[in-house]
Amino acid sequence: MKTYEEFLDSLKESSPPKELSTQLLALWYDANNDWDKAHEYVDGPTDPTSHWVHAYLHRKEGDMANADYWYKRADKNRPDVSLDEEWTLIAKKLISFTR
């Protein structure tokens, strides 16, 4: 995935692109209304980026105590932005890592 726009375009497909990272796969499934599948991808890896996506998912779920635990593991504070804004921020950051 080279650009954020390509990632957004991929959301219209029936399955995610093969080259997506674990974290981008989680965001892809989240955007396609499959929270459980998204959670599966980040409920295991021990890297801070997975923790960040994990935190976002629990925030979206409404479980703020669990979200805050994962934000702490990601060395982040719960953001004061909408869920959509956080999703975009995470996706753009992940895509910038892959270029």
Protein backbone atom coordinates (compact mmCIF):
# COMPACT_ATOMS: atom_id res chain seq x y z
CA MET A 1 0.00 0.00 0.00
CA LYS A 2 1.63 3.18 -1.15
CA THR A 3 -0.94 5.84 -0.34
CA TYR A 4 -3.78 6.49 2.04
CA GLU A 5 -6.09 6.95 -0.94
CA GLU A 6 -5.21 3.44 -2.21
CA PHE A 7 -5.99 2.07 1.23
CA LEU A 8 -9.38 3.84 1.21
CA ASP A 9 -10.10 2.45 -2.26
CA SER A 10 -9.31 -1.06 -1.01
CA LEU A 11 -12.12 -0.77 1.53
CA LYS A 12 -14.60 -1.20 -1.35
CA GLU A 13 -13.20 -4.65 -2.16
CA SER A 14 -14.58 -7.89 -0.71
CA SER A 15 -11.24 -8.83 0.83
CA PRO A 16 -8.20 -6.86 1.94
CA PRO A 17 -5.06 -6.49 -0.15
CA LYS A 18 -2.48 -9.17 0.59
CA GLU A 19 0.33 -6.71 1.34
CA LEU A 20 -1.31 -5.06 4.35
CA SER A 21 0.41 -5.16 7.71
CA THR A 22 -1.33 -6.77 10.66
CA GLN A 23 -2.33 -3.35 11.96
CA LEU A 24 -3.67 -2.14 8.61
CA LEU A 25 -5.61 -5.40 8.29
CA ALA A 26 -7.23 -4.62 11.63
CA LEU A 27 -8.18 -1.13 10.43
CA TRP A 28 -9.43 -2.57 7.12
CA TYR A 29 -11.76 -5.00 8.91
CA ASP A 30 -12.86 -2.31 11.35
CA ALA A 31 -13.79 -0.03 8.46
CA ASN A 32 -15.75 -2.92 6.96
CA ASN A 33 -17.79 -3.34 10.14
CA ASP A 34 -16.04 -6.46 11.42
CA TRP A 35 -14.82 -5.37 14.86
CA ASP A 36 -14.23 -8.96 16.00
CA LYS A 37 -11.97 -9.78 13.06
CA ALA A 38 -10.13 -6.46 13.51
CA HIS A 39 -9.60 -7.27 17.18
CA GLU A 40 -8.21 -10.73 16.34
CA TYR A 41 -5.37 -9.13 14.38
CA VAL A 42 -4.16 -6.91 17.23
CA ASP A 43 -4.98 -9.13 20.22
CA GLY A 44 -1.65 -10.88 20.44
CA PRO A 45 1.15 -8.85 18.91
CA THR A 46 3.26 -7.05 21.50
CA ASP A 47 4.44 -4.02 19.52
CA PRO A 48 3.33 -0.48 20.40
CA THR A 49 1.60 0.05 17.05
CA SER A 50 -0.62 -2.99 17.55
CA HIS A 51 -1.35 -1.75 21.06
CA TRP A 52 -2.44 1.59 19.59
CA VAL A 53 -4.87 -0.06 17.17
CA HIS A 54 -6.05 -2.32 19.99
CA ALA A 55 -6.70 0.76 22.16
CA TYR A 56 -8.61 2.45 19.34
CA LEU A 57 -10.81 -0.64 18.91
CA HIS A 58 -11.69 -0.78 22.61
CA ARG A 59 -12.38 2.96 22.56
CA LYS A 60 -14.74 2.37 19.65
CA GLU A 61 -16.35 -0.47 21.58
CA GLY A 62 -16.95 1.93 24.46
CA ASP A 63 -14.73 0.08 26.94
CA MET A 64 -12.67 3.08 28.08
CA ALA A 65 -10.87 1.29 30.93
CA ASN A 66 -9.61 -1.37 28.52
CA ALA A 67 -8.82 1.27 25.90
CA ASP A 68 -6.80 3.28 28.40
CA TYR A 69 -4.84 0.15 29.35
CA TRP A 70 -3.88 -0.36 25.71
CA TYR A 71 -3.10 3.32 25.13
CA LYS A 72 -0.71 3.10 28.08
CA ARG A 73 0.92 -0.01 26.56
CA ALA A 74 1.26 1.97 23.31
CA ASP A 75 2.80 4.88 25.25
CA LYS A 76 -0.05 7.15 24.19
CA ASN A 77 -2.88 9.04 25.82
CA ARG A 78 -6.46 8.56 24.75
CA PRO A 79 -6.90 11.22 22.04
CA ASP A 80 -9.43 14.00 22.21
CA VAL A 81 -10.55 13.50 18.61
CA SER A 82 -13.39 11.59 17.00
CA LEU A 83 -13.03 7.88 16.29
CA ASP A 84 -12.98 8.65 12.56
CA GLU A 85 -10.15 11.13 13.05
CA GLU A 86 -8.15 8.64 15.10
CA TRP A 87 -8.71 5.87 12.53
CA THR A 88 -7.42 8.22 9.81
CA LEU A 89 -4.44 9.27 11.91
CA ILE A 90 -3.44 5.67 12.59
CA ALA A 91 -3.92 4.59 8.97
CA LYS A 92 -1.88 7.48 7.59
CA LYS A 93 0.89 6.85 10.11
CA LEU A 94 1.03 3.14 9.24
CA ILE A 95 1.07 3.81 5.52
CA SER A 96 3.89 6.34 5.94
CA PHE A 97 5.94 3.52 7.57
CA THR A 98 5.53 1.28 4.53
CA ARG A 99 6.75 3.70 1.88
